[in-house]
Amino acid sequence: MDTGTHIVMGIALGGLALADPVVSTDTATMSAVVAGVIVGSLIPDVDTVLKLRNNAVYIRNHRGITHSIPAVLLWPLIITILLSLVVPEASFIHLWAWTFLAVFLHVFVDIFNSYGTQALRPFSNKWVAIGVINTFDPIIFALHGIALIIWGLGANPVYTILTTYVVIFFYYLLRFAIKSAVKKAVQNTVPDATDIIIAPTMRFFQWRIAASSEECHYVGRAYGRSVNIYDRFERVAMPKSPEIDVAMSDKNIEAFTSFSPIYRWSVTSIGDLCEVRLIDLRYRSKGYYPFVAVAHVDKNLNIVNSYTGWIFSEDKLQKKLNFAPNS
């Protein structure tokens, strides 16, 4: 989920923690728990700082080790120890328990996005992505916001937050049902599809679609059970050449292929350079595919420049590559 949603979830957990008699009756423990659940709701995304290095490192590692099983166990302990130094009167075990719940819920809800997490590490590096909730879901955010407002107006926080989470639970079930209906509609539209990727958007009934058969890739959108296929690309094996082999070993290209399950490629000559471009088919926006990886290789098999990330125009891509093709 996005940072804003994790923040309101943390505040909501602070209200829910008042169901614990030790928290509700001990001011020191209450203060520490509120801080712990808010920090715990955010700490797994500390890996966002990897953006400061480069996109390749960020793409390969975001929601990786910081969302793993060891991290879910270590984050609450670290936060609890640090907060205990600041508020030594707080109950250690109650502080740890509520902080653990906050960290666990952060990782758990991220699993339901299409981006997913490596939540099963170290047992598996597989990305777990159920894909029923958008990274920012306005309904989930609004439900938390409404609950916090009602709490602020004097309602019992425990009953208010519990009621909110019951509603959210049924909302998740509804999203699963809608996704299942969309998948059946895609199967009827593309009966020879062997792989189907369905990803949510911020709009309740609108879903992104990318499907593959043995011969083609299909890209479209579903509006309820109505499926519109916008683009169809023939599947052609990438040719073999030393330049392409070098490009495919580039860190940006490797980061892209580790993240993207469905993409098309293009290989072009630009002056004396060979350009290898990979285009993720899951994120079509207004006829454009903004998530790409590009590498330029010279005749001496050196990578001149490369990039992976979100680009919404060719001019911006060339600026990222710091590349001006020869006329």
C-alpha atoms as a PDB file:
ATOM      1  CA  MET A   1       0.000   0.000   0.000  1.00  0.00           C
ATOM      2  CA  ASP A   2       1.009   3.638  -0.256  1.00  0.00           C
ATOM      3  CA  THR A   3       2.573   5.586   2.614  1.00  0.00           C
ATOM      4  CA  GLY A   4      -0.613   7.527   3.403  1.00  0.00           C
ATOM      5  CA  THR A   5      -2.621   4.340   3.869  1.00  0.00           C
ATOM      6  CA  HIS A   6       0.061   2.804   6.077  1.00  0.00           C
ATOM      7  CA  ILE A   7       0.008   5.945   8.247  1.00  0.00           C
ATOM      8  CA  VAL A   8      -3.773   5.877   8.793  1.00  0.00           C
ATOM      9  CA  MET A   9      -3.544   2.144   9.464  1.00  0.00           C
ATOM     10  CA  GLY A  10      -0.947   2.821  12.137  1.00  0.00           C
ATOM     11  CA  ILE A  11      -3.126   5.454  13.799  1.00  0.00           C
ATOM     12  CA  ALA A  12      -6.119   3.116  13.634  1.00  0.00           C
ATOM     13  CA  LEU A  13      -4.093   0.360  15.325  1.00  0.00           C
ATOM     14  CA  GLY A  14      -3.268   2.859  18.062  1.00  0.00           C
ATOM     15  CA  GLY A  15      -7.003   3.165  18.701  1.00  0.00           C
ATOM     16  CA  LEU A  16      -7.507  -0.585  18.534  1.00  0.00           C
ATOM     17  CA  ALA A  17      -4.708  -1.076  21.072  1.00  0.00           C
ATOM     18  CA  LEU A  18      -6.934   0.542  23.676  1.00  0.00           C
ATOM     19  CA  ALA A  19      -8.733  -2.806  23.832  1.00  0.00           C
ATOM     20  CA  ASP A  20      -5.650  -3.963  25.757  1.00  0.00           C
ATOM     21  CA  PRO A  21      -6.246  -3.129  29.467  1.00  0.00           C
ATOM     22  CA  VAL A  22      -2.527  -2.548  30.070  1.00  0.00           C
ATOM     23  CA  VAL A  23      -2.389  -0.034  27.224  1.00  0.00           C
ATOM     24  CA  SER A  24      -5.617   1.758  28.150  1.00  0.00           C
ATOM     25  CA  THR A  25      -4.742   2.124  31.843  1.00  0.00           C
ATOM     26  CA  ASP A  26      -1.012   2.888  31.672  1.00  0.00           C
ATOM     27  CA  THR A  27      -0.176   6.261  30.142  1.00  0.00           C
ATOM     28  CA  ALA A  28       3.474   5.376  29.527  1.00  0.00           C
ATOM     29  CA  THR A  29       2.593   2.130  27.749  1.00  0.00           C
ATOM     30  CA  MET A  30      -0.135   3.868  25.747  1.00  0.00           C
ATOM     31  CA  SER A  31       2.274   6.551  24.508  1.00  0.00           C
ATOM     32  CA  ALA A  32       4.908   3.992  23.556  1.00  0.00           C
ATOM     33  CA  VAL A  33       2.397   1.710  21.828  1.00  0.00           C
ATOM     34  CA  VAL A  34       0.948   4.555  19.743  1.00  0.00           C
ATOM     35  CA  ALA A  35       4.466   5.486  18.610  1.00  0.00           C
ATOM     36  CA  GLY A  36       5.335   1.823  18.057  1.00  0.00           C
ATOM     37  CA  VAL A  37       2.347   0.988  15.855  1.00  0.00           C
ATOM     38  CA  ILE A  38       2.824   4.085  13.705  1.00  0.00           C
ATOM     39  CA  VAL A  39       6.544   3.425  13.226  1.00  0.00           C
ATOM     40  CA  GLY A  40       5.852  -0.291  12.747  1.00  0.00           C
ATOM     41  CA  SER A  41       3.279   0.496  10.067  1.00  0.00           C
ATOM     42  CA  LEU A  42       5.929   2.377   8.089  1.00  0.00           C
ATOM     43  CA  ILE A  43       9.295   0.737   8.834  1.00  0.00           C
ATOM     44  CA  PRO A  44       9.195  -2.062   6.200  1.00  0.00           C
ATOM     45  CA  ASP A  45       9.216   0.628   3.504  1.00  0.00           C
ATOM     46  CA  VAL A  46      12.533   2.005   4.749  1.00  0.00           C
ATOM     47  CA  ASP A  47      14.002   0.402   1.625  1.00  0.00           C
ATOM     48  CA  THR A  48      12.523   3.310  -0.345  1.00  0.00           C
ATOM     49  CA  VAL A  49      15.865   5.053   0.326  1.00  0.00           C
ATOM     50  CA  LEU A  50      17.337   2.712  -2.294  1.00  0.00           C
ATOM     51  CA  LYS A  51      15.908   5.115  -4.878  1.00  0.00           C
ATOM     52  CA  LEU A  52      18.792   7.393  -3.930  1.00  0.00           C
ATOM     53  CA  ARG A  53      21.183   4.851  -5.449  1.00  0.00           C
ATOM     54  CA  ASN A  54      19.414   4.013  -8.708  1.00  0.00           C
ATOM     55  CA  ASN A  55      16.221   2.515 -10.064  1.00  0.00           C
ATOM     56  CA  ALA A  56      17.796  -0.872 -10.726  1.00  0.00           C
ATOM     57  CA  VAL A  57      18.727  -1.391  -7.085  1.00  0.00           C
ATOM     58  CA  TYR A  58      15.339  -0.101  -5.952  1.00  0.00           C
ATOM     59  CA  ILE A  59      13.323  -2.320  -8.303  1.00  0.00           C
ATOM     60  CA  ARG A  60      15.248  -5.454  -7.373  1.00  0.00           C
ATOM     61  CA  ASN A  61      15.075  -4.858  -3.622  1.00  0.00           C
ATOM     62  CA  HIS A  62      11.957  -2.831  -2.774  1.00  0.00           C
ATOM     63  CA  ARG A  63       9.589  -4.952  -0.685  1.00  0.00           C
ATOM     64  CA  GLY A  64      12.286  -7.591  -0.575  1.00  0.00           C
ATOM     65  CA  ILE A  65      14.337  -8.303   2.530  1.00  0.00           C
ATOM     66  CA  THR A  66      12.627  -5.558   4.562  1.00  0.00           C
ATOM     67  CA  HIS A  67       9.323  -7.433   4.084  1.00  0.00           C
ATOM     68  CA  SER A  68      10.788 -10.898   4.711  1.00  0.00           C
ATOM     69  CA  ILE A  69      10.021 -13.268   7.590  1.00  0.00           C
ATOM     70  CA  PRO A  70      13.238 -12.355   9.494  1.00  0.00           C
ATOM     71  CA  ALA A  71      12.455  -8.653   9.042  1.00  0.00           C
ATOM     72  CA  VAL A  72       8.896  -9.074  10.356  1.00  0.00           C
ATOM     73  CA  LEU A  73      10.436 -10.630  13.475  1.00  0.00           C
ATOM     74  CA  LEU A  74      13.301  -8.168  13.854  1.00  0.00           C
ATOM     75  CA  TRP A  75      11.578  -4.828  13.161  1.00  0.00           C
ATOM     76  CA  PRO A  76       9.227  -5.041  16.195  1.00  0.00           C
ATOM     77  CA  LEU A  77      12.101  -6.045  18.474  1.00  0.00           C
ATOM     78  CA  ILE A  78      14.308  -3.171  17.296  1.00  0.00           C
ATOM     79  CA  ILE A  79      11.478  -0.622  17.594  1.00  0.00           C
ATOM     80  CA  THR A  80      10.472  -1.929  21.033  1.00  0.00           C
ATOM     81  CA  ILE A  81      14.037  -1.782  22.386  1.00  0.00           C
ATOM     82  CA  LEU A  82      14.512   1.782  21.123  1.00  0.00           C
ATOM     83  CA  LEU A  83      11.168   2.983  22.483  1.00  0.00           C
ATOM     84  CA  SER A  84      11.881   1.273  25.817  1.00  0.00           C
ATOM     85  CA  LEU A  85      14.998   3.406  26.122  1.00  0.00           C
ATOM     86  CA  VAL A  86      12.845   6.509  25.681  1.00  0.00           C
ATOM     87  CA  VAL A  87       9.886   5.291  27.769  1.00  0.00           C
ATOM     88  CA  PRO A  88      11.368   2.745  30.217  1.00  0.00           C
ATOM     89  CA  GLU A  89       8.118   2.621  32.228  1.00  0.00           C
ATOM     90  CA  ALA A  90       6.221   1.082  29.295  1.00  0.00           C
ATOM     91  CA  SER A  91       5.356  -2.616  29.329  1.00  0.00           C
ATOM     92  CA  PHE A  92       7.910  -4.267  27.051  1.00  0.00           C
ATOM     93  CA  ILE A  93       5.798  -7.264  26.097  1.00  0.00           C
ATOM     94  CA  HIS A  94       2.661  -5.245  25.281  1.00  0.00           C
ATOM     95  CA  LEU A  95       4.680  -2.720  23.321  1.00  0.00           C
ATOM     96  CA  TRP A  96       6.335  -5.514  21.361  1.00  0.00           C
ATOM     97  CA  ALA A  97       3.037  -7.319  20.671  1.00  0.00           C
ATOM     98  CA  TRP A  98       1.258  -4.287  19.202  1.00  0.00           C
ATOM     99  CA  THR A  99       4.327  -3.210  17.242  1.00  0.00           C
ATOM    100  CA  PHE A 100       4.617  -6.731  15.834  1.00  0.00           C
ATOM    101  CA  LEU A 101       0.959  -6.577  14.732  1.00  0.00           C
ATOM    102  CA  ALA A 102       1.629  -3.263  12.941  1.00  0.00           C
ATOM    103  CA  VAL A 103       4.661  -4.635  11.066  1.00  0.00           C
ATOM    104  CA  PHE A 104       2.878  -7.872  10.200  1.00  0.00           C
ATOM    105  CA  LEU A 105      -0.190  -6.039   8.848  1.00  0.00           C
ATOM    106  CA  HIS A 106       2.013  -3.794   6.694  1.00  0.00           C
ATOM    107  CA  VAL A 107       3.563  -6.802   4.962  1.00  0.00           C
ATOM    108  CA  PHE A 108       0.275  -8.713   4.858  1.00  0.00           C
ATOM    109  CA  VAL A 109      -1.716  -5.990   3.095  1.00  0.00           C
ATOM    110  CA  ASP A 110       1.128  -5.415   0.613  1.00  0.00           C
ATOM    111  CA  ILE A 111       0.684  -8.995  -0.569  1.00  0.00           C
ATOM    112  CA  PHE A 112      -2.708  -8.066  -2.022  1.00  0.00           C
ATOM    113  CA  ASN A 113      -1.212  -5.456  -4.399  1.00  0.00           C
ATOM    114  CA  SER A 114      -0.111  -6.324  -7.914  1.00  0.00           C
ATOM    115  CA  TYR A 115       3.471  -5.278  -6.985  1.00  0.00           C
ATOM    116  CA  GLY A 116       3.576  -7.801  -4.141  1.00  0.00           C
ATOM    117  CA  THR A 117       6.396  -8.610  -1.719  1.00  0.00           C
ATOM    118  CA  GLN A 118       9.042 -11.241  -1.107  1.00  0.00           C
ATOM    119  CA  ALA A 119       7.276 -12.081   2.135  1.00  0.00           C
ATOM    120  CA  LEU A 120       8.397 -15.735   2.074  1.00  0.00           C
ATOM    121  CA  ARG A 121      12.129 -15.017   2.189  1.00  0.00           C
ATOM    122  CA  PRO A 122      14.411 -16.728   3.143  1.00  0.00           C
ATOM    123  CA  PHE A 123      12.417 -19.842   2.184  1.00  0.00           C
ATOM    124  CA  SER A 124      11.517 -18.484  -1.262  1.00  0.00           C
ATOM    125  CA  ASN A 125      12.485 -15.409  -3.293  1.00  0.00           C
ATOM    126  CA  LYS A 126       9.210 -15.603  -5.203  1.00  0.00           C
ATOM    127  CA  TRP A 127       7.201 -12.385  -5.379  1.00  0.00           C
ATOM    128  CA  VAL A 128       3.833 -12.911  -3.689  1.00  0.00           C
ATOM    129  CA  ALA A 129       1.342 -10.628  -5.448  1.00  0.00           C
ATOM    130  CA  ILE A 130      -2.348 -11.447  -5.279  1.00  0.00           C
ATOM    131  CA  GLY A 131      -3.362  -8.321  -7.190  1.00  0.00           C
ATOM    132  CA  VAL A 132      -6.839  -7.481  -5.897  1.00  0.00           C
ATOM    133  CA  ILE A 133      -6.094  -4.098  -4.298  1.00  0.00           C
ATOM    134  CA  ASN A 134      -4.428  -1.116  -5.983  1.00  0.00           C
ATOM    135  CA  THR A 135      -1.322   0.306  -4.308  1.00  0.00           C
ATOM    136  CA  PHE A 136      -3.542   3.237  -3.327  1.00  0.00           C
ATOM    137  CA  ASP A 137      -7.129   2.178  -2.797  1.00  0.00           C
ATOM    138  CA  PRO A 138      -9.351   5.233  -2.208  1.00  0.00           C
ATOM    139  CA  ILE A 139     -12.063   3.171  -0.519  1.00  0.00           C
ATOM    140  CA  ILE A 140      -9.699   1.633   2.046  1.00  0.00           C
ATOM    141  CA  PHE A 141      -8.107   5.013   2.700  1.00  0.00           C
ATOM    142  CA  ALA A 142     -11.517   6.695   3.028  1.00  0.00           C
ATOM    143  CA  LEU A 143     -12.814   4.033   5.422  1.00  0.00           C
ATOM    144  CA  HIS A 144      -9.818   4.602   7.693  1.00  0.00           C
ATOM    145  CA  GLY A 145     -10.271   8.368   7.423  1.00  0.00           C
ATOM    146  CA  ILE A 146     -13.957   8.136   8.345  1.00  0.00           C
ATOM    147  CA  ALA A 147     -13.160   5.875  11.299  1.00  0.00           C
ATOM    148  CA  LEU A 148     -10.536   8.283  12.612  1.00  0.00           C
ATOM    149  CA  ILE A 149     -12.950  11.224  12.279  1.00  0.00           C
ATOM    150  CA  ILE A 150     -15.684   9.327  14.138  1.00  0.00           C
ATOM    151  CA  TRP A 151     -13.146   8.456  16.832  1.00  0.00           C
ATOM    152  CA  GLY A 152     -12.124  12.104  17.026  1.00  0.00           C
ATOM    153  CA  LEU A 153     -15.751  13.094  17.540  1.00  0.00           C
ATOM    154  CA  GLY A 154     -15.868  10.989  20.693  1.00  0.00           C
ATOM    155  CA  ALA A 155     -16.887   7.476  19.595  1.00  0.00           C
ATOM    156  CA  ASN A 156     -15.328   4.425  21.228  1.00  0.00           C
ATOM    157  CA  PRO A 157     -12.114   3.829  19.241  1.00  0.00           C
ATOM    158  CA  VAL A 158     -12.076   0.049  19.731  1.00  0.00           C
ATOM    159  CA  TYR A 159     -15.606  -0.523  18.424  1.00  0.00           C
ATOM    160  CA  THR A 160     -15.115   2.033  15.662  1.00  0.00           C
ATOM    161  CA  ILE A 161     -11.889   0.495  14.338  1.00  0.00           C
ATOM    162  CA  LEU A 162     -13.167  -3.080  14.709  1.00  0.00           C
ATOM    163  CA  THR A 163     -16.280  -2.199  12.715  1.00  0.00           C
ATOM    164  CA  THR A 164     -14.129  -0.565  10.058  1.00  0.00           C
ATOM    165  CA  TYR A 165     -11.948  -3.657   9.686  1.00  0.00           C
ATOM    166  CA  VAL A 166     -14.972  -5.933   9.418  1.00  0.00           C
ATOM    167  CA  VAL A 167     -16.207  -3.740   6.551  1.00  0.00           C
ATOM    168  CA  ILE A 168     -12.740  -3.824   4.936  1.00  0.00           C
ATOM    169  CA  PHE A 169     -12.650  -7.622   5.268  1.00  0.00           C
ATOM    170  CA  PHE A 170     -15.857  -7.945   3.247  1.00  0.00           C
ATOM    171  CA  TYR A 171     -14.528  -5.354   0.799  1.00  0.00           C
ATOM    172  CA  TYR A 172     -11.537  -7.631   0.157  1.00  0.00           C
ATOM    173  CA  LEU A 173     -13.866 -10.577  -0.438  1.00  0.00           C
ATOM    174  CA  LEU A 174     -15.793  -8.477  -2.942  1.00  0.00           C
ATOM    175  CA  ARG A 175     -12.583  -7.572  -4.756  1.00  0.00           C
ATOM    176  CA  PHE A 176     -11.680 -11.265  -5.035  1.00  0.00           C
ATOM    177  CA  ALA A 177     -15.104 -12.003  -6.515  1.00  0.00           C
ATOM    178  CA  ILE A 178     -14.833  -9.188  -9.050  1.00  0.00           C
ATOM    179  CA  LYS A 179     -11.323 -10.236 -10.093  1.00  0.00           C
ATOM    180  CA  SER A 180     -12.532 -13.801 -10.608  1.00  0.00           C
ATOM    181  CA  ALA A 181     -15.361 -12.536 -12.837  1.00  0.00           C
ATOM    182  CA  VAL A 182     -12.902 -10.388 -14.809  1.00  0.00           C
ATOM    183  CA  LYS A 183     -10.570 -13.359 -15.322  1.00  0.00           C
ATOM    184  CA  LYS A 184     -13.436 -15.433 -16.730  1.00  0.00           C
ATOM    185  CA  ALA A 185     -14.327 -12.565 -19.064  1.00  0.00           C
ATOM    186  CA  VAL A 186     -10.714 -12.365 -20.287  1.00  0.00           C
ATOM    187  CA  GLN A 187     -10.660 -16.129 -20.859  1.00  0.00           C
ATOM    188  CA  ASN A 188     -13.799 -15.795 -22.983  1.00  0.00           C
ATOM    189  CA  THR A 189     -12.272 -12.895 -24.929  1.00  0.00           C
ATOM    190  CA  VAL A 190      -8.843 -14.531 -25.407  1.00  0.00           C
ATOM    191  CA  PRO A 191      -9.634 -18.256 -25.235  1.00  0.00           C
ATOM    192  CA  ASP A 192      -6.112 -19.327 -26.220  1.00  0.00           C
ATOM    193  CA  ALA A 193      -4.452 -17.284 -23.442  1.00  0.00           C
ATOM    194  CA  THR A 194      -1.946 -19.279 -21.419  1.00  0.00           C
ATOM    195  CA  ASP A 195      -1.002 -16.493 -18.993  1.00  0.00           C
ATOM    196  CA  ILE A 196      -3.351 -13.799 -17.732  1.00  0.00           C
ATOM    197  CA  ILE A 197      -2.340 -10.883 -15.537  1.00  0.00           C
ATOM    198  CA  ILE A 198      -5.153  -8.815 -14.023  1.00  0.00           C
ATOM    199  CA  ALA A 199      -4.200  -5.748 -12.014  1.00  0.00           C
ATOM    200  CA  PRO A 200      -6.475  -3.342 -10.153  1.00  0.00           C
ATOM    201  CA  THR A 201      -6.703   0.404 -10.703  1.00  0.00           C
ATOM    202  CA  MET A 202      -8.004   3.145  -8.427  1.00  0.00           C
ATOM    203  CA  ARG A 203     -11.393   2.792 -10.135  1.00  0.00           C
ATOM    204  CA  PHE A 204     -13.517   0.119  -8.519  1.00  0.00           C
ATOM    205  CA  PHE A 205     -14.714  -1.670 -11.691  1.00  0.00           C
ATOM    206  CA  GLN A 206     -11.678  -0.989 -13.905  1.00  0.00           C
ATOM    207  CA  TRP A 207      -8.804  -3.464 -14.218  1.00  0.00           C
ATOM    208  CA  ARG A 208      -5.628  -3.570 -16.310  1.00  0.00           C
ATOM    209  CA  ILE A 209      -5.185  -6.687 -18.410  1.00  0.00           C
ATOM    210  CA  ALA A 210      -2.139  -8.321 -19.986  1.00  0.00           C
ATOM    211  CA  ALA A 211      -2.480 -11.783 -21.465  1.00  0.00           C
ATOM    212  CA  SER A 212      -0.272 -14.071 -23.504  1.00  0.00           C
ATOM    213  CA  SER A 213      -0.951 -16.931 -25.861  1.00  0.00           C
ATOM    214  CA  GLU A 214       1.691 -18.963 -27.661  1.00  0.00           C
ATOM    215  CA  GLU A 215       1.542 -16.539 -30.604  1.00  0.00           C
ATOM    216  CA  CYS A 216       0.649 -13.116 -29.159  1.00  0.00           C
ATOM    217  CA  HIS A 217       0.607 -10.711 -26.234  1.00  0.00           C
ATOM    218  CA  TYR A 218      -2.692  -8.896 -25.582  1.00  0.00           C
ATOM    219  CA  VAL A 219      -3.120  -5.675 -23.629  1.00  0.00           C
ATOM    220  CA  GLY A 220      -6.411  -4.128 -22.580  1.00  0.00           C
ATOM    221  CA  ARG A 221      -8.768  -3.047 -19.848  1.00  0.00           C
ATOM    222  CA  ALA A 222     -11.788  -4.580 -18.213  1.00  0.00           C
ATOM    223  CA  TYR A 223     -14.753  -2.500 -17.150  1.00  0.00           C
ATOM    224  CA  GLY A 224     -16.739  -4.899 -15.019  1.00  0.00           C
ATOM    225  CA  ARG A 225     -17.153  -7.954 -17.256  1.00  0.00           C
ATOM    226  CA  SER A 226     -16.613  -5.975 -20.454  1.00  0.00           C
ATOM    227  CA  VAL A 227     -13.121  -6.564 -21.840  1.00  0.00           C
ATOM    228  CA  ASN A 228     -11.512  -4.224 -24.371  1.00  0.00           C
ATOM    229  CA  ILE A 229      -8.281  -5.366 -26.048  1.00  0.00           C
ATOM    230  CA  TYR A 230      -6.315  -2.297 -27.143  1.00  0.00           C
ATOM    231  CA  ASP A 231      -3.054  -3.786 -28.426  1.00  0.00           C
ATOM    232  CA  ARG A 232      -1.946  -7.110 -29.837  1.00  0.00           C
ATOM    233  CA  PHE A 233       1.743  -7.933 -30.291  1.00  0.00           C
ATOM    234  CA  GLU A 234       3.099 -11.022 -31.999  1.00  0.00           C
ATOM    235  CA  ARG A 235       5.471 -13.028 -29.841  1.00  0.00           C
ATOM    236  CA  VAL A 236       8.828 -13.336 -31.564  1.00  0.00           C
ATOM    237  CA  ALA A 237      11.944 -14.799 -29.986  1.00  0.00           C
ATOM    238  CA  MET A 238      14.673 -12.266 -29.342  1.00  0.00           C
ATOM    239  CA  PRO A 239      17.511 -12.678 -31.856  1.00  0.00           C
ATOM    240  CA  LYS A 240      20.975 -13.727 -30.780  1.00  0.00           C
ATOM    241  CA  SER A 241      23.959 -11.429 -31.077  1.00  0.00           C
ATOM    242  CA  PRO A 242      26.943 -10.422 -28.894  1.00  0.00           C
ATOM    243  CA  GLU A 243      25.468  -6.914 -28.474  1.00  0.00           C
ATOM    244  CA  ILE A 244      22.134  -8.278 -27.251  1.00  0.00           C
ATOM    245  CA  ASP A 245      23.877 -10.698 -24.876  1.00  0.00           C
ATOM    246  CA  VAL A 246      25.829  -7.809 -23.346  1.00  0.00           C
ATOM    247  CA  ALA A 247      22.697  -5.662 -23.055  1.00  0.00           C
ATOM    248  CA  MET A 248      20.729  -8.433 -21.344  1.00  0.00           C
ATOM    249  CA  SER A 249      23.444  -8.710 -18.690  1.00  0.00           C
ATOM    250  CA  ASP A 250      23.230  -5.001 -17.847  1.00  0.00           C
ATOM    251  CA  LYS A 251      22.081  -4.260 -14.281  1.00  0.00           C
ATOM    252  CA  ASN A 252      19.115  -2.172 -15.436  1.00  0.00           C
ATOM    253  CA  ILE A 253      17.926  -4.796 -17.908  1.00  0.00           C
ATOM    254  CA  GLU A 254      18.351  -7.552 -15.316  1.00  0.00           C
ATOM    255  CA  ALA A 255      16.387  -5.532 -12.750  1.00  0.00           C
ATOM    256  CA  PHE A 256      13.580  -5.095 -15.270  1.00  0.00           C
ATOM    257  CA  THR A 257      13.387  -8.792 -16.200  1.00  0.00           C
ATOM    258  CA  SER A 258      13.402  -9.796 -12.524  1.00  0.00           C
ATOM    259  CA  PHE A 259      10.338  -7.601 -11.980  1.00  0.00           C
ATOM    260  CA  SER A 260       8.326  -7.793 -15.189  1.00  0.00           C
ATOM    261  CA  PRO A 261       6.588 -11.098 -16.052  1.00  0.00           C
ATOM    262  CA  ILE A 262       5.277  -9.931 -19.443  1.00  0.00           C
ATOM    263  CA  TYR A 263       7.061  -7.599 -21.830  1.00  0.00           C
ATOM    264  CA  ARG A 264       7.918  -7.097 -25.476  1.00  0.00           C
ATOM    265  CA  TRP A 265      11.293  -6.153 -26.906  1.00  0.00           C
ATOM    266  CA  SER A 266      12.792  -4.103 -29.695  1.00  0.00           C
ATOM    267  CA  VAL A 267      16.335  -4.076 -31.060  1.00  0.00           C
ATOM    268  CA  THR A 268      17.371  -1.145 -33.236  1.00  0.00           C
ATOM    269  CA  SER A 269      20.550   0.407 -34.585  1.00  0.00           C
ATOM    270  CA  ILE A 270      21.194   4.039 -33.693  1.00  0.00           C
ATOM    271  CA  GLY A 271      24.319   5.148 -35.508  1.00  0.00           C
ATOM    272  CA  ASP A 272      27.076   2.835 -34.313  1.00  0.00           C
ATOM    273  CA  LEU A 273      25.084   1.687 -31.297  1.00  0.00           C
ATOM    274  CA  CYS A 274      22.737  -1.216 -30.742  1.00  0.00           C
ATOM    275  CA  GLU A 275      19.692  -0.314 -28.650  1.00  0.00           C
ATOM    276  CA  VAL A 276      17.900  -3.057 -26.741  1.00  0.00           C
ATOM    277  CA  ARG A 277      14.580  -1.940 -25.266  1.00  0.00           C
ATOM    278  CA  LEU A 278      12.209  -3.949 -23.061  1.00  0.00           C
ATOM    279  CA  ILE A 279       8.656  -2.670 -22.541  1.00  0.00           C
ATOM    280  CA  ASP A 280       6.434  -3.847 -19.691  1.00  0.00           C
ATOM    281  CA  LEU A 281       2.953  -4.562 -21.046  1.00  0.00           C
ATOM    282  CA  ARG A 282       1.130  -4.344 -17.705  1.00  0.00           C
ATOM    283  CA  TYR A 283       1.085  -0.561 -17.419  1.00  0.00           C
ATOM    284  CA  ARG A 284      -0.453   0.833 -20.589  1.00  0.00           C
ATOM    285  CA  SER A 285      -1.509   4.455 -20.017  1.00  0.00           C
ATOM    286  CA  LYS A 286      -3.191   6.542 -22.713  1.00  0.00           C
ATOM    287  CA  GLY A 287      -1.661   4.410 -25.434  1.00  0.00           C
ATOM    288  CA  TYR A 288       1.841   4.604 -23.950  1.00  0.00           C
ATOM    289  CA  TYR A 289       3.862   1.993 -22.059  1.00  0.00           C
ATOM    290  CA  PRO A 290       5.806   3.955 -19.431  1.00  0.00           C
ATOM    291  CA  PHE A 291       7.764   1.212 -17.669  1.00  0.00           C
ATOM    292  CA  VAL A 292      10.826   0.343 -19.753  1.00  0.00           C
ATOM    293  CA  ALA A 293      14.434  -0.764 -19.698  1.00  0.00           C
ATOM    294  CA  VAL A 294      16.918   0.435 -22.317  1.00  0.00           C
ATOM    295  CA  ALA A 295      20.588  -0.336 -22.945  1.00  0.00           C
ATOM    296  CA  HIS A 296      22.908   1.015 -25.644  1.00  0.00           C
ATOM    297  CA  VAL A 297      25.877  -1.144 -26.663  1.00  0.00           C
ATOM    298  CA  ASP A 298      28.731  -0.019 -28.913  1.00  0.00           C
ATOM    299  CA  LYS A 299      30.666  -2.065 -31.450  1.00  0.00           C
ATOM    300  CA  ASN A 300      33.293  -2.905 -28.844  1.00  0.00           C
ATOM    301  CA  LEU A 301      30.554  -4.537 -26.727  1.00  0.00           C
ATOM    302  CA  ASN A 302      30.630  -1.815 -24.103  1.00  0.00           C
ATOM    303  CA  ILE A 303      27.417  -0.568 -22.514  1.00  0.00           C
ATOM    304  CA  VAL A 304      27.381   3.159 -23.247  1.00  0.00           C
ATOM    305  CA  ASN A 305      24.340   3.890 -21.086  1.00  0.00           C
ATOM    306  CA  SER A 306      21.254   2.195 -19.713  1.00  0.00           C
ATOM    307  CA  TYR A 307      18.123   2.957 -17.726  1.00  0.00           C
ATOM    308  CA  THR A 308      15.073   1.315 -16.240  1.00  0.00           C
ATOM    309  CA  GLY A 309      12.040   2.983 -14.717  1.00  0.00           C
ATOM    310  CA  TRP A 310       8.934   4.989 -15.443  1.00  0.00           C
ATOM    311  CA  ILE A 311       9.168   7.297 -18.451  1.00  0.00           C
ATOM    312  CA  PHE A 312       6.194   9.045 -20.038  1.00  0.00           C
ATOM    313  CA  SER A 313       7.863  10.522 -23.136  1.00  0.00           C
ATOM    314  CA  GLU A 314      10.749   9.683 -25.431  1.00  0.00           C
ATOM    315  CA  ASP A 315      12.420  13.029 -24.720  1.00  0.00           C
ATOM    316  CA  LYS A 316      12.511  12.311 -21.000  1.00  0.00           C
ATOM    317  CA  LEU A 317      13.961   8.880 -21.673  1.00  0.00           C
ATOM    318  CA  GLN A 318      16.794  10.353 -23.726  1.00  0.00           C
ATOM    319  CA  LYS A 319      17.511  12.817 -20.904  1.00  0.00           C
ATOM    320  CA  LYS A 320      17.652   9.983 -18.382  1.00  0.00           C
ATOM    321  CA  LEU A 321      20.059   8.149 -20.648  1.00  0.00           C
ATOM    322  CA  ASN A 322      22.004  11.370 -21.223  1.00  0.00           C
ATOM    323  CA  PHE A 323      21.919  10.380 -24.848  1.00  0.00           C
ATOM    324  CA  ALA A 324      21.559  12.380 -28.039  1.00  0.00           C
ATOM    325  CA  PRO A 325      21.379  10.100 -31.101  1.00  0.00           C
ATOM    326  CA  ASN A 326      23.438  11.127 -34.110  1.00  0.00           C
ATOM    327  CA  SER A 327      21.381  12.539 -36.939  1.00  0.00           C
END
